[in-house]
């Protein structure tokens, strides 16, 4: 499992339920409503805000029937730390969602593209 060693981050508070955070991000994903960014740094630069913390979810998912469960780690990070991490070219499949008032989810694929999902 990816442990975000190269990403400056905070562990999520114990009060936060990782499964709830994951399911909240899952609600944004739609195969018909996303924008593709060939360069994830451009997507993060334009969409993320410097004053907001973001959940970073290692996109490792288990599927049992119709139920999806997160198996990856979830941490909190900042726009600057995320940009630095993405620019280091250590691309991992992750999801990024604002800690408060989330209105979009960014997924970065193992191929190095970013997909922006919004409602």
C-alpha atoms as a PDB file:
ATOM      1  CA  UNK A   1       0.000   0.000   0.000  1.00  0.00           C
ATOM      2  CA  UNK A   2       1.216   3.487  -0.869  1.00  0.00           C
ATOM      3  CA  UNK A   3       1.977   5.419   2.334  1.00  0.00           C
ATOM      4  CA  UNK A   4       2.491   8.968   0.952  1.00  0.00           C
ATOM      5  CA  UNK A   5       6.096   9.207   2.187  1.00  0.00           C
ATOM      6  CA  UNK A   6       6.982  11.841  -0.450  1.00  0.00           C
ATOM      7  CA  UNK A   7       3.846  13.918   0.191  1.00  0.00           C
ATOM      8  CA  UNK A   8       3.784  16.390   3.074  1.00  0.00           C
ATOM      9  CA  UNK A   9       0.594  15.405   4.824  1.00  0.00           C
ATOM     10  CA  UNK A  10      -1.320  14.965   8.046  1.00  0.00           C
ATOM     11  CA  UNK A  11      -3.080  11.816   9.102  1.00  0.00           C
ATOM     12  CA  UNK A  12      -6.853  12.199   9.051  1.00  0.00           C
ATOM     13  CA  UNK A  13      -8.377  12.742  12.492  1.00  0.00           C
ATOM     14  CA  UNK A  14      -9.675   9.612  14.148  1.00  0.00           C
ATOM     15  CA  UNK A  15     -13.112  11.199  14.173  1.00  0.00           C
ATOM     16  CA  UNK A  16     -13.104  10.994  10.386  1.00  0.00           C
ATOM     17  CA  UNK A  17     -14.258   7.692   9.015  1.00  0.00           C
ATOM     18  CA  UNK A  18     -12.141   6.697   6.004  1.00  0.00           C
ATOM     19  CA  UNK A  19     -15.046   4.797   4.466  1.00  0.00           C
ATOM     20  CA  UNK A  20     -17.338   7.854   4.728  1.00  0.00           C
ATOM     21  CA  UNK A  21     -14.709  10.054   3.039  1.00  0.00           C
ATOM     22  CA  UNK A  22     -14.284   7.460   0.286  1.00  0.00           C
ATOM     23  CA  UNK A  23     -18.036   7.091  -0.311  1.00  0.00           C
ATOM     24  CA  UNK A  24     -18.371  10.886  -0.471  1.00  0.00           C
ATOM     25  CA  UNK A  25     -15.717  10.968  -3.216  1.00  0.00           C
ATOM     26  CA  UNK A  26     -17.372   8.028  -4.962  1.00  0.00           C
ATOM     27  CA  UNK A  27     -20.608  10.028  -5.301  1.00  0.00           C
ATOM     28  CA  UNK A  28     -18.852  12.465  -7.668  1.00  0.00           C
ATOM     29  CA  UNK A  29     -17.551   9.863 -10.100  1.00  0.00           C
ATOM     30  CA  UNK A  30     -19.662   9.616 -13.214  1.00  0.00           C
ATOM     31  CA  UNK A  31     -18.569   8.065 -16.495  1.00  0.00           C
ATOM     32  CA  UNK A  32     -20.401  10.853 -18.351  1.00  0.00           C
ATOM     33  CA  UNK A  33     -19.323  13.975 -16.473  1.00  0.00           C
ATOM     34  CA  UNK A  34     -15.601  14.670 -16.345  1.00  0.00           C
ATOM     35  CA  UNK A  35     -12.860  16.757 -17.936  1.00  0.00           C
ATOM     36  CA  UNK A  36      -9.502  15.198 -18.875  1.00  0.00           C
ATOM     37  CA  UNK A  37      -6.232  17.026 -18.143  1.00  0.00           C
ATOM     38  CA  UNK A  38      -3.162  15.414 -19.757  1.00  0.00           C
ATOM     39  CA  UNK A  39      -0.986  17.228 -17.188  1.00  0.00           C
ATOM     40  CA  UNK A  40      -2.220  16.728 -13.602  1.00  0.00           C
ATOM     41  CA  UNK A  41      -0.200  19.740 -12.378  1.00  0.00           C
ATOM     42  CA  UNK A  42      -2.278  22.045 -14.611  1.00  0.00           C
ATOM     43  CA  UNK A  43      -5.499  20.607 -13.187  1.00  0.00           C
ATOM     44  CA  UNK A  44      -4.325  21.025  -9.589  1.00  0.00           C
ATOM     45  CA  UNK A  45      -2.992  24.529 -10.224  1.00  0.00           C
ATOM     46  CA  UNK A  46      -6.280  25.757 -11.693  1.00  0.00           C
ATOM     47  CA  UNK A  47      -8.757  23.959  -9.411  1.00  0.00           C
ATOM     48  CA  UNK A  48      -7.196  23.793  -5.948  1.00  0.00           C
ATOM     49  CA  UNK A  49      -7.274  26.634  -3.435  1.00  0.00           C
ATOM     50  CA  UNK A  50      -4.325  27.576  -1.196  1.00  0.00           C
ATOM     51  CA  UNK A  51      -6.552  28.061   1.867  1.00  0.00           C
ATOM     52  CA  UNK A  52      -8.135  24.597   1.776  1.00  0.00           C
ATOM     53  CA  UNK A  53      -6.921  21.201   2.953  1.00  0.00           C
ATOM     54  CA  UNK A  54      -7.599  18.252   0.694  1.00  0.00           C
ATOM     55  CA  UNK A  55      -8.235  14.585   1.318  1.00  0.00           C
ATOM     56  CA  UNK A  56      -5.804  12.509  -0.698  1.00  0.00           C
ATOM     57  CA  UNK A  57      -7.079   8.973  -1.165  1.00  0.00           C
ATOM     58  CA  UNK A  58      -4.862   6.187  -2.459  1.00  0.00           C
ATOM     59  CA  UNK A  59      -7.273   4.865  -5.083  1.00  0.00           C
ATOM     60  CA  UNK A  60      -7.006   1.213  -4.082  1.00  0.00           C
ATOM     61  CA  UNK A  61     -10.534  -0.167  -4.143  1.00  0.00           C
ATOM     62  CA  UNK A  62     -12.062  -3.541  -3.378  1.00  0.00           C
ATOM     63  CA  UNK A  63     -15.327  -4.481  -5.069  1.00  0.00           C
ATOM     64  CA  UNK A  64     -17.714  -7.034  -3.596  1.00  0.00           C
ATOM     65  CA  UNK A  65     -20.982  -7.239  -5.483  1.00  0.00           C
ATOM     66  CA  UNK A  66     -22.055  -3.641  -6.035  1.00  0.00           C
ATOM     67  CA  UNK A  67     -20.252  -2.353  -2.935  1.00  0.00           C
ATOM     68  CA  UNK A  68     -16.900  -0.601  -3.287  1.00  0.00           C
ATOM     69  CA  UNK A  69     -14.601  -0.305  -0.278  1.00  0.00           C
ATOM     70  CA  UNK A  70     -11.417   1.727   0.049  1.00  0.00           C
ATOM     71  CA  UNK A  71      -8.306  -0.302   0.866  1.00  0.00           C
ATOM     72  CA  UNK A  72      -5.814   2.550   0.402  1.00  0.00           C
ATOM     73  CA  UNK A  73      -4.689   5.150   2.897  1.00  0.00           C
ATOM     74  CA  UNK A  74      -6.370   8.558   3.262  1.00  0.00           C
ATOM     75  CA  UNK A  75      -4.466  11.661   4.396  1.00  0.00           C
ATOM     76  CA  UNK A  76      -4.894  15.447   4.411  1.00  0.00           C
ATOM     77  CA  UNK A  77      -2.604  17.730   2.426  1.00  0.00           C
ATOM     78  CA  UNK A  78      -2.335  21.204   0.900  1.00  0.00           C
ATOM     79  CA  UNK A  79      -2.318  22.515  -2.651  1.00  0.00           C
ATOM     80  CA  UNK A  80       1.417  23.295  -2.531  1.00  0.00           C
ATOM     81  CA  UNK A  81       2.351  19.856  -1.209  1.00  0.00           C
ATOM     82  CA  UNK A  82       0.145  18.141  -3.796  1.00  0.00           C
ATOM     83  CA  UNK A  83       1.652  20.160  -6.639  1.00  0.00           C
ATOM     84  CA  UNK A  84       5.183  19.398  -5.442  1.00  0.00           C
ATOM     85  CA  UNK A  85       4.332  15.692  -5.214  1.00  0.00           C
ATOM     86  CA  UNK A  86       2.727  15.523  -8.666  1.00  0.00           C
ATOM     87  CA  UNK A  87       5.608  17.438 -10.249  1.00  0.00           C
ATOM     88  CA  UNK A  88       8.076  14.897  -8.796  1.00  0.00           C
ATOM     89  CA  UNK A  89       6.647  12.412 -11.343  1.00  0.00           C
ATOM     90  CA  UNK A  90       5.978   9.747  -8.718  1.00  0.00           C
ATOM     91  CA  UNK A  91       2.491   9.252 -10.130  1.00  0.00           C
ATOM     92  CA  UNK A  92       0.128   7.052  -8.118  1.00  0.00           C
ATOM     93  CA  UNK A  93      -3.585   6.511  -8.612  1.00  0.00           C
ATOM     94  CA  UNK A  94      -5.134   8.957  -6.152  1.00  0.00           C
ATOM     95  CA  UNK A  95      -8.312  10.927  -5.580  1.00  0.00           C
ATOM     96  CA  UNK A  96      -8.298  14.488  -4.285  1.00  0.00           C
ATOM     97  CA  UNK A  97     -11.312  16.081  -2.603  1.00  0.00           C
ATOM     98  CA  UNK A  98     -11.700  19.195  -0.424  1.00  0.00           C
ATOM     99  CA  UNK A  99     -11.986  18.534   3.295  1.00  0.00           C
ATOM    100  CA  UNK A 100     -14.865  21.011   3.624  1.00  0.00           C
ATOM    101  CA  UNK A 101     -17.590  21.870   1.101  1.00  0.00           C
ATOM    102  CA  UNK A 102     -16.389  19.493  -1.610  1.00  0.00           C
ATOM    103  CA  UNK A 103     -17.799  20.336  -5.027  1.00  0.00           C
ATOM    104  CA  UNK A 104     -15.430  18.277  -7.186  1.00  0.00           C
ATOM    105  CA  UNK A 105     -13.098  15.281  -7.108  1.00  0.00           C
ATOM    106  CA  UNK A 106      -9.867  14.975  -9.069  1.00  0.00           C
ATOM    107  CA  UNK A 107      -8.558  11.525  -9.851  1.00  0.00           C
ATOM    108  CA  UNK A 108      -5.021  11.029 -11.051  1.00  0.00           C
ATOM    109  CA  UNK A 109      -4.560   7.800 -12.962  1.00  0.00           C
ATOM    110  CA  UNK A 110      -1.462   5.592 -13.104  1.00  0.00           C
ATOM    111  CA  UNK A 111      -1.023   6.809 -16.704  1.00  0.00           C
ATOM    112  CA  UNK A 112      -0.453  10.324 -15.371  1.00  0.00           C
ATOM    113  CA  UNK A 113      -3.644  12.069 -16.470  1.00  0.00           C
ATOM    114  CA  UNK A 114      -6.070  13.932 -14.235  1.00  0.00           C
ATOM    115  CA  UNK A 115      -9.829  13.567 -14.448  1.00  0.00           C
ATOM    116  CA  UNK A 116     -11.954  16.342 -12.937  1.00  0.00           C
ATOM    117  CA  UNK A 117     -15.399  15.225 -11.792  1.00  0.00           C
ATOM    118  CA  UNK A 118     -18.000  17.717 -10.614  1.00  0.00           C
ATOM    119  CA  UNK A 119     -21.710  17.655  -9.968  1.00  0.00           C
END
